[in-house]
């Protein structure tokens, strides 16, 4: 079975969904770190659309910790990173 490349589905400036592969794409990486928390975002852009994709997040947004204190600490760490974005 041949591997297929992932299809790009995104919303253009008019809010219309499209699955067309663009002729040209600009790719940038945005990385933000606050303490032990970091997030890496890929920015994909063509003439007609812009897409942000989370490439890496540590700790994971779904990590809730093992107790209330850890959960609270994780929440505050993520909030600080989001403020920097």
PDB file of N, CA and C in Angstrom:
ATOM      1  N   UNK A   1       0.848  -1.175   0.000  1.00  0.00           N
ATOM      2  CA  UNK A   1       0.000   0.000   0.000  1.00  0.00           C
ATOM      3  C   UNK A   1       0.894   1.240   0.000  1.00  0.00           C
ATOM      4  N   UNK A   2       0.671   2.126  -0.925  1.00  0.00           N
ATOM      5  CA  UNK A   2       1.476   3.346  -1.038  1.00  0.00           C
ATOM      6  C   UNK A   2       1.033   4.368  -0.006  1.00  0.00           C
ATOM      7  N   UNK A   3       1.989   5.059   0.563  1.00  0.00           N
ATOM      8  CA  UNK A   3       1.671   6.107   1.543  1.00  0.00           C
ATOM      9  C   UNK A   3       1.147   7.329   0.804  1.00  0.00           C
ATOM     10  N   UNK A   4       0.129   7.937   1.359  1.00  0.00           N
ATOM     11  CA  UNK A   4      -0.414   9.148   0.736  1.00  0.00           C
ATOM     12  C   UNK A   4      -0.022  10.349   1.570  1.00  0.00           C
ATOM     13  N   UNK A   5       0.124  11.485   0.914  1.00  0.00           N
ATOM     14  CA  UNK A   5       0.459  12.700   1.646  1.00  0.00           C
ATOM     15  C   UNK A   5      -0.800  13.283   2.252  1.00  0.00           C
ATOM     16  N   UNK A   6      -0.693  13.937   3.416  1.00  0.00           N
ATOM     17  CA  UNK A   6      -1.872  14.491   4.078  1.00  0.00           C
ATOM     18  C   UNK A   6      -2.493  15.604   3.251  1.00  0.00           C
ATOM     19  N   UNK A   7      -3.802  15.662   3.294  1.00  0.00           N
ATOM     20  CA  UNK A   7      -4.527  16.705   2.576  1.00  0.00           C
ATOM     21  C   UNK A   7      -4.597  17.952   3.445  1.00  0.00           C
ATOM     22  N   UNK A   8      -4.388  19.106   2.847  1.00  0.00           N
ATOM     23  CA  UNK A   8      -4.477  20.373   3.567  1.00  0.00           C
ATOM     24  C   UNK A   8      -5.904  20.877   3.448  1.00  0.00           C
ATOM     25  N   UNK A   9      -6.567  21.029   4.587  1.00  0.00           N
ATOM     26  CA  UNK A   9      -7.914  21.587   4.606  1.00  0.00           C
ATOM     27  C   UNK A   9      -7.863  22.831   5.466  1.00  0.00           C
ATOM     28  N   UNK A  10      -8.302  23.945   4.912  1.00  0.00           N
ATOM     29  CA  UNK A  10      -8.224  25.192   5.652  1.00  0.00           C
ATOM     30  C   UNK A  10      -9.312  26.148   5.200  1.00  0.00           C
ATOM     31  N   UNK A  11      -9.399  27.258   5.892  1.00  0.00           N
ATOM     32  CA  UNK A  11     -10.413  28.270   5.642  1.00  0.00           C
ATOM     33  C   UNK A  11      -9.736  29.466   4.991  1.00  0.00           C
ATOM     34  N   UNK A  12     -10.303  29.955   3.881  1.00  0.00           N
ATOM     35  CA  UNK A  12      -9.703  31.120   3.229  1.00  0.00           C
ATOM     36  C   UNK A  12     -10.172  32.403   3.903  1.00  0.00           C
ATOM     37  N   UNK A  13      -9.755  33.552   3.384  1.00  0.00           N
ATOM     38  CA  UNK A  13     -10.070  34.837   4.016  1.00  0.00           C
ATOM     39  C   UNK A  13     -11.573  35.122   4.068  1.00  0.00           C
ATOM     40  N   UNK A  14     -12.352  34.473   3.186  1.00  0.00           N
ATOM     41  CA  UNK A  14     -13.807  34.652   3.185  1.00  0.00           C
ATOM     42  C   UNK A  14     -14.507  33.645   4.087  1.00  0.00           C
ATOM     43  N   UNK A  15     -13.754  32.788   4.764  1.00  0.00           N
ATOM     44  CA  UNK A  15     -14.336  31.797   5.659  1.00  0.00           C
ATOM     45  C   UNK A  15     -14.782  30.532   4.952  1.00  0.00           C
ATOM     46  N   UNK A  16     -14.420  30.354   3.693  1.00  0.00           N
ATOM     47  CA  UNK A  16     -14.844  29.196   2.920  1.00  0.00           C
ATOM     48  C   UNK A  16     -13.808  28.085   3.072  1.00  0.00           C
ATOM     49  N   UNK A  17     -14.285  26.862   3.407  1.00  0.00           N
ATOM     50  CA  UNK A  17     -13.388  25.724   3.561  1.00  0.00           C
ATOM     51  C   UNK A  17     -12.911  25.251   2.196  1.00  0.00           C
ATOM     52  N   UNK A  18     -11.658  24.833   2.132  1.00  0.00           N
ATOM     53  CA  UNK A  18     -11.081  24.379   0.874  1.00  0.00           C
ATOM     54  C   UNK A  18     -10.121  23.241   1.154  1.00  0.00           C
ATOM     55  N   UNK A  19     -10.058  22.274   0.249  1.00  0.00           N
ATOM     56  CA  UNK A  19      -9.076  21.196   0.389  1.00  0.00           C
ATOM     57  C   UNK A  19      -8.091  21.211  -0.768  1.00  0.00           C
ATOM     58  N   UNK A  20      -8.052  22.298  -1.497  1.00  0.00           N
ATOM     59  CA  UNK A  20      -7.124  22.419  -2.619  1.00  0.00           C
ATOM     60  C   UNK A  20      -5.705  22.593  -2.112  1.00  0.00           C
ATOM     61  N   UNK A  21      -4.779  21.962  -2.772  1.00  0.00           N
ATOM     62  CA  UNK A  21      -3.373  22.164  -2.430  1.00  0.00           C
ATOM     63  C   UNK A  21      -2.904  23.438  -3.108  1.00  0.00           C
ATOM     64  N   UNK A  22      -2.375  24.392  -2.369  1.00  0.00           N
ATOM     65  CA  UNK A  22      -1.972  25.670  -2.947  1.00  0.00           C
ATOM     66  C   UNK A  22      -0.729  25.526  -3.820  1.00  0.00           C
ATOM     67  N   UNK A  23      -0.550  26.470  -4.738  1.00  0.00           N
ATOM     68  CA  UNK A  23       0.620  26.464  -5.604  1.00  0.00           C
ATOM     69  C   UNK A  23       1.878  26.825  -4.814  1.00  0.00           C
ATOM     70  N   UNK A  24       1.776  27.778  -3.908  1.00  0.00           N
ATOM     71  CA  UNK A  24       2.918  28.161  -3.074  1.00  0.00           C
ATOM     72  C   UNK A  24       2.469  28.305  -1.631  1.00  0.00           C
ATOM     73  N   UNK A  25       3.364  27.978  -0.732  1.00  0.00           N
ATOM     74  CA  UNK A  25       3.060  28.065   0.694  1.00  0.00           C
ATOM     75  C   UNK A  25       4.277  28.613   1.427  1.00  0.00           C
ATOM     76  N   UNK A  26       4.040  29.522   2.362  1.00  0.00           N
ATOM     77  CA  UNK A  26       5.082  30.007   3.252  1.00  0.00           C
ATOM     78  C   UNK A  26       4.915  29.289   4.579  1.00  0.00           C
ATOM     79  N   UNK A  27       5.995  28.775   5.126  1.00  0.00           N
ATOM     80  CA  UNK A  27       5.929  28.074   6.404  1.00  0.00           C
ATOM     81  C   UNK A  27       6.846  28.783   7.392  1.00  0.00           C
ATOM     82  N   UNK A  28       6.290  29.119   8.552  1.00  0.00           N
ATOM     83  CA  UNK A  28       7.056  29.738   9.631  1.00  0.00           C
ATOM     84  C   UNK A  28       6.824  28.935  10.899  1.00  0.00           C
ATOM     85  N   UNK A  29       7.744  29.039  11.831  1.00  0.00           N
ATOM     86  CA  UNK A  29       7.603  28.382  13.121  1.00  0.00           C
ATOM     87  C   UNK A  29       7.627  29.440  14.208  1.00  0.00           C
ATOM     88  N   UNK A  30       6.678  29.330  15.147  1.00  0.00           N
ATOM     89  CA  UNK A  30       6.593  30.235  16.287  1.00  0.00           C
ATOM     90  C   UNK A  30       6.784  29.381  17.535  1.00  0.00           C
ATOM     91  N   UNK A  31       7.747  29.737  18.375  1.00  0.00           N
ATOM     92  CA  UNK A  31       7.992  28.996  19.609  1.00  0.00           C
ATOM     93  C   UNK A  31       7.935  29.960  20.781  1.00  0.00           C
ATOM     94  N   UNK A  32       7.199  29.564  21.822  1.00  0.00           N
ATOM     95  CA  UNK A  32       7.075  30.380  23.031  1.00  0.00           C
ATOM     96  C   UNK A  32       7.359  29.485  24.226  1.00  0.00           C
ATOM     97  N   UNK A  33       8.169  29.981  25.164  1.00  0.00           N
ATOM     98  CA  UNK A  33       8.466  29.236  26.375  1.00  0.00           C
ATOM     99  C   UNK A  33       8.322  30.146  27.575  1.00  0.00           C
ATOM    100  N   UNK A  34       7.728  29.591  28.637  1.00  0.00           N
ATOM    101  CA  UNK A  34       7.596  30.283  29.909  1.00  0.00           C
ATOM    102  C   UNK A  34       7.859  29.255  30.998  1.00  0.00           C
ATOM    103  N   UNK A  35       8.978  29.385  31.680  1.00  0.00           N
ATOM    104  CA  UNK A  35       9.332  28.383  32.685  1.00  0.00           C
ATOM    105  C   UNK A  35       9.549  27.040  32.011  1.00  0.00           C
ATOM    106  N   UNK A  36       8.881  25.999  32.513  1.00  0.00           N
ATOM    107  CA  UNK A  36       8.997  24.659  31.936  1.00  0.00           C
ATOM    108  C   UNK A  36       7.959  24.389  30.861  1.00  0.00           C
ATOM    109  N   UNK A  37       7.132  25.366  30.549  1.00  0.00           N
ATOM    110  CA  UNK A  37       6.067  25.185  29.571  1.00  0.00           C
ATOM    111  C   UNK A  37       6.497  25.768  28.237  1.00  0.00           C
ATOM    112  N   UNK A  38       6.246  25.011  27.158  1.00  0.00           N
ATOM    113  CA  UNK A  38       6.580  25.532  25.831  1.00  0.00           C
ATOM    114  C   UNK A  38       5.530  25.085  24.814  1.00  0.00           C
ATOM    115  N   UNK A  39       5.391  25.888  23.770  1.00  0.00           N
ATOM    116  CA  UNK A  39       4.483  25.581  22.676  1.00  0.00           C
ATOM    117  C   UNK A  39       5.184  25.963  21.376  1.00  0.00           C
ATOM    118  N   UNK A  40       5.071  25.095  20.379  1.00  0.00           N
ATOM    119  CA  UNK A  40       5.643  25.345  19.060  1.00  0.00           C
ATOM    120  C   UNK A  40       4.498  25.280  18.062  1.00  0.00           C
ATOM    121  N   UNK A  41       4.347  26.354  17.286  1.00  0.00           N
ATOM    122  CA  UNK A  41       3.239  26.469  16.336  1.00  0.00           C
ATOM    123  C   UNK A  41       3.802  26.628  14.935  1.00  0.00           C
ATOM    124  N   UNK A  42       3.206  25.920  13.977  1.00  0.00           N
ATOM    125  CA  UNK A  42       3.564  26.089  12.569  1.00  0.00           C
ATOM    126  C   UNK A  42       2.557  27.042  11.937  1.00  0.00           C
ATOM    127  N   UNK A  43       3.053  28.010  11.182  1.00  0.00           N
ATOM    128  CA  UNK A  43       2.210  28.948  10.447  1.00  0.00           C
ATOM    129  C   UNK A  43       2.363  28.625   8.970  1.00  0.00           C
ATOM    130  N   UNK A  44       1.265  28.199   8.338  1.00  0.00           N
ATOM    131  CA  UNK A  44       1.254  27.896   6.912  1.00  0.00           C
ATOM    132  C   UNK A  44       0.444  28.982   6.230  1.00  0.00           C
ATOM    133  N   UNK A  45       0.973  29.524   5.156  1.00  0.00           N
ATOM    134  CA  UNK A  45       0.294  30.644   4.506  1.00  0.00           C
ATOM    135  C   UNK A  45       0.474  30.568   2.998  1.00  0.00           C
ATOM    136  N   UNK A  46      -0.616  30.793   2.287  1.00  0.00           N
ATOM    137  CA  UNK A  46      -0.558  30.975   0.842  1.00  0.00           C
ATOM    138  C   UNK A  46      -1.251  32.294   0.536  1.00  0.00           C
ATOM    139  N   UNK A  47      -1.422  32.586  -0.709  1.00  0.00           N
ATOM    140  CA  UNK A  47      -2.067  33.841  -1.097  1.00  0.00           C
ATOM    141  C   UNK A  47      -3.503  33.911  -0.581  1.00  0.00           C
ATOM    142  N   UNK A  48      -4.170  32.761  -0.488  1.00  0.00           N
ATOM    143  CA  UNK A  48      -5.594  32.732  -0.179  1.00  0.00           C
ATOM    144  C   UNK A  48      -5.943  32.329   1.244  1.00  0.00           C
ATOM    145  N   UNK A  49      -5.032  31.762   2.006  1.00  0.00           N
ATOM    146  CA  UNK A  49      -5.388  31.285   3.336  1.00  0.00           C
ATOM    147  C   UNK A  49      -4.204  31.311   4.295  1.00  0.00           C
ATOM    148  N   UNK A  50      -4.551  31.216   5.586  1.00  0.00           N
ATOM    149  CA  UNK A  50      -3.566  31.127   6.673  1.00  0.00           C
ATOM    150  C   UNK A  50      -4.026  30.012   7.602  1.00  0.00           C
ATOM    151  N   UNK A  51      -3.093  29.184   8.063  1.00  0.00           N
ATOM    152  CA  UNK A  51      -3.431  28.105   8.980  1.00  0.00           C
ATOM    153  C   UNK A  51      -2.382  28.046  10.084  1.00  0.00           C
ATOM    154  N   UNK A  52      -2.826  27.939  11.338  1.00  0.00           N
ATOM    155  CA  UNK A  52      -1.941  27.719  12.480  1.00  0.00           C
ATOM    156  C   UNK A  52      -2.131  26.287  12.948  1.00  0.00           C
ATOM    157  N   UNK A  53      -1.036  25.613  13.251  1.00  0.00           N
ATOM    158  CA  UNK A  53      -1.119  24.234  13.710  1.00  0.00           C
ATOM    159  C   UNK A  53      -0.156  24.052  14.874  1.00  0.00           C
ATOM    160  N   UNK A  54      -0.652  23.535  15.990  1.00  0.00           N
ATOM    161  CA  UNK A  54       0.208  23.260  17.143  1.00  0.00           C
ATOM    162  C   UNK A  54       1.045  22.029  16.821  1.00  0.00           C
ATOM    163  N   UNK A  55       2.365  22.205  16.810  1.00  0.00           N
ATOM    164  CA  UNK A  55       3.286  21.117  16.519  1.00  0.00           C
ATOM    165  C   UNK A  55       3.734  20.407  17.790  1.00  0.00           C
ATOM    166  N   UNK A  56       3.910  21.174  18.866  1.00  0.00           N
ATOM    167  CA  UNK A  56       4.422  20.608  20.108  1.00  0.00           C
ATOM    168  C   UNK A  56       3.913  21.440  21.274  1.00  0.00           C
ATOM    169  N   UNK A  57       3.537  20.772  22.353  1.00  0.00           N
ATOM    170  CA  UNK A  57       3.118  21.468  23.565  1.00  0.00           C
ATOM    171  C   UNK A  57       3.575  20.641  24.757  1.00  0.00           C
ATOM    172  N   UNK A  58       4.327  21.285  25.665  1.00  0.00           N
ATOM    173  CA  UNK A  58       4.797  20.594  26.853  1.00  0.00           C
ATOM    174  C   UNK A  58       4.605  21.485  28.065  1.00  0.00           C
ATOM    175  N   UNK A  59       3.995  20.999  29.123  1.00  0.00           N
ATOM    176  CA  UNK A  59       3.289  19.730  29.187  1.00  0.00           C
ATOM    177  C   UNK A  59       2.046  19.770  28.305  1.00  0.00           C
ATOM    178  N   UNK A  60       1.548  18.605  27.973  1.00  0.00           N
ATOM    179  CA  UNK A  60       0.382  18.514  27.092  1.00  0.00           C
ATOM    180  C   UNK A  60      -0.816  19.221  27.719  1.00  0.00           C
ATOM    181  N   UNK A  61      -1.625  19.850  26.878  1.00  0.00           N
ATOM    182  CA  UNK A  61      -2.811  20.563  27.364  1.00  0.00           C
ATOM    183  C   UNK A  61      -3.768  19.601  28.065  1.00  0.00           C
ATOM    184  N   UNK A  62      -3.713  18.321  27.703  1.00  0.00           N
ATOM    185  CA  UNK A  62      -4.599  17.329  28.315  1.00  0.00           C
ATOM    186  C   UNK A  62      -4.039  16.753  29.611  1.00  0.00           C
ATOM    187  N   UNK A  63      -2.817  17.114  29.985  1.00  0.00           N
ATOM    188  CA  UNK A  63      -2.216  16.650  31.236  1.00  0.00           C
ATOM    189  C   UNK A  63      -2.867  17.406  32.389  1.00  0.00           C
ATOM    190  N   UNK A  64      -3.559  16.680  33.260  1.00  0.00           N
ATOM    191  CA  UNK A  64      -4.286  17.347  34.348  1.00  0.00           C
ATOM    192  C   UNK A  64      -3.590  17.221  35.700  1.00  0.00           C
ATOM    193  N   UNK A  65      -2.446  16.541  35.734  1.00  0.00           N
ATOM    194  CA  UNK A  65      -1.729  16.399  36.996  1.00  0.00           C
ATOM    195  C   UNK A  65      -2.291  15.267  37.831  1.00  0.00           C
ATOM    196  N   UNK A  66      -1.609  14.976  38.939  1.00  0.00           N
ATOM    197  CA  UNK A  66      -2.035  13.872  39.806  1.00  0.00           C
ATOM    198  C   UNK A  66      -2.802  14.345  41.031  1.00  0.00           C
ATOM    199  N   UNK A  67      -2.797  15.671  41.260  1.00  0.00           N
ATOM    200  CA  UNK A  67      -3.554  16.208  42.386  1.00  0.00           C
ATOM    201  C   UNK A  67      -3.980  17.642  42.051  1.00  0.00           C
ATOM    202  N   UNK A  68      -4.727  18.259  42.938  1.00  0.00           N
ATOM    203  CA  UNK A  68      -5.256  19.600  42.691  1.00  0.00           C
ATOM    204  C   UNK A  68      -4.144  20.633  42.526  1.00  0.00           C
ATOM    205  N   UNK A  69      -3.082  20.531  43.321  1.00  0.00           N
ATOM    206  CA  UNK A  69      -1.978  21.490  43.221  1.00  0.00           C
ATOM    207  C   UNK A  69      -1.295  21.409  41.856  1.00  0.00           C
ATOM    208  N   UNK A  70      -1.018  20.185  41.386  1.00  0.00           N
ATOM    209  CA  UNK A  70      -0.405  20.019  40.063  1.00  0.00           C
ATOM    210  C   UNK A  70      -1.322  20.551  38.968  1.00  0.00           C
ATOM    211  N   UNK A  71      -2.610  20.267  39.077  1.00  0.00           N
ATOM    212  CA  UNK A  71      -3.571  20.751  38.080  1.00  0.00           C
ATOM    213  C   UNK A  71      -3.585  22.272  38.040  1.00  0.00           C
ATOM    214  N   UNK A  72      -3.564  22.896  39.200  1.00  0.00           N
ATOM    215  CA  UNK A  72      -3.551  24.356  39.278  1.00  0.00           C
ATOM    216  C   UNK A  72      -2.260  24.923  38.692  1.00  0.00           C
ATOM    217  N   UNK A  73      -1.124  24.298  39.013  1.00  0.00           N
ATOM    218  CA  UNK A  73       0.166  24.743  38.473  1.00  0.00           C
ATOM    219  C   UNK A  73       0.197  24.633  36.953  1.00  0.00           C
ATOM    220  N   UNK A  74      -0.281  23.505  36.411  1.00  0.00           N
ATOM    221  CA  UNK A  74      -0.308  23.319  34.958  1.00  0.00           C
ATOM    222  C   UNK A  74      -1.189  24.365  34.291  1.00  0.00           C
ATOM    223  N   UNK A  75      -2.334  24.632  34.893  1.00  0.00           N
ATOM    224  CA  UNK A  75      -3.250  25.639  34.344  1.00  0.00           C
ATOM    225  C   UNK A  75      -2.562  27.005  34.267  1.00  0.00           C
ATOM    226  N   UNK A  76      -1.911  27.407  35.343  1.00  0.00           N
ATOM    227  CA  UNK A  76      -1.252  28.719  35.371  1.00  0.00           C
ATOM    228  C   UNK A  76      -0.069  28.779  34.395  1.00  0.00           C
ATOM    229  N   UNK A  77       0.662  27.679  34.253  1.00  0.00           N
ATOM    230  CA  UNK A  77       1.761  27.640  33.290  1.00  0.00           C
ATOM    231  C   UNK A  77       1.242  27.836  31.868  1.00  0.00           C
ATOM    232  N   UNK A  78       0.157  27.149  31.519  1.00  0.00           N
ATOM    233  CA  UNK A  78      -0.420  27.289  30.179  1.00  0.00           C
ATOM    234  C   UNK A  78      -0.951  28.700  29.957  1.00  0.00           C
ATOM    235  N   UNK A  79      -1.544  29.286  30.967  1.00  0.00           N
ATOM    236  CA  UNK A  79      -2.056  30.657  30.841  1.00  0.00           C
ATOM    237  C   UNK A  79      -0.923  31.644  30.546  1.00  0.00           C
ATOM    238  N   UNK A  80       0.228  31.468  31.208  1.00  0.00           N
ATOM    239  CA  UNK A  80       1.372  32.355  30.965  1.00  0.00           C
ATOM    240  C   UNK A  80       1.863  32.246  29.522  1.00  0.00           C
ATOM    241  N   UNK A  81       1.921  31.010  29.003  1.00  0.00           N
ATOM    242  CA  UNK A  81       2.353  30.819  27.616  1.00  0.00           C
ATOM    243  C   UNK A  81       1.355  31.460  26.655  1.00  0.00           C
ATOM    244  N   UNK A  82       0.070  31.284  26.903  1.00  0.00           N
ATOM    245  CA  UNK A  82      -0.951  31.880  26.033  1.00  0.00           C
ATOM    246  C   UNK A  82      -0.880  33.402  26.046  1.00  0.00           C
ATOM    247  N   UNK A  83      -0.567  33.993  27.195  1.00  0.00           N
ATOM    248  CA  UNK A  83      -0.400  35.453  27.263  1.00  0.00           C
ATOM    249  C   UNK A  83       0.742  35.909  26.362  1.00  0.00           C
ATOM    250  N   UNK A  84       1.830  35.133  26.326  1.00  0.00           N
ATOM    251  CA  UNK A  84       2.984  35.502  25.506  1.00  0.00           C
ATOM    252  C   UNK A  84       2.692  35.362  24.017  1.00  0.00           C
ATOM    253  N   UNK A  85       1.788  34.446  23.680  1.00  0.00           N
ATOM    254  CA  UNK A  85       1.421  34.290  22.269  1.00  0.00           C
ATOM    255  C   UNK A  85       0.706  35.518  21.791  1.00  0.00           C
TER     256      UNK A  85
END
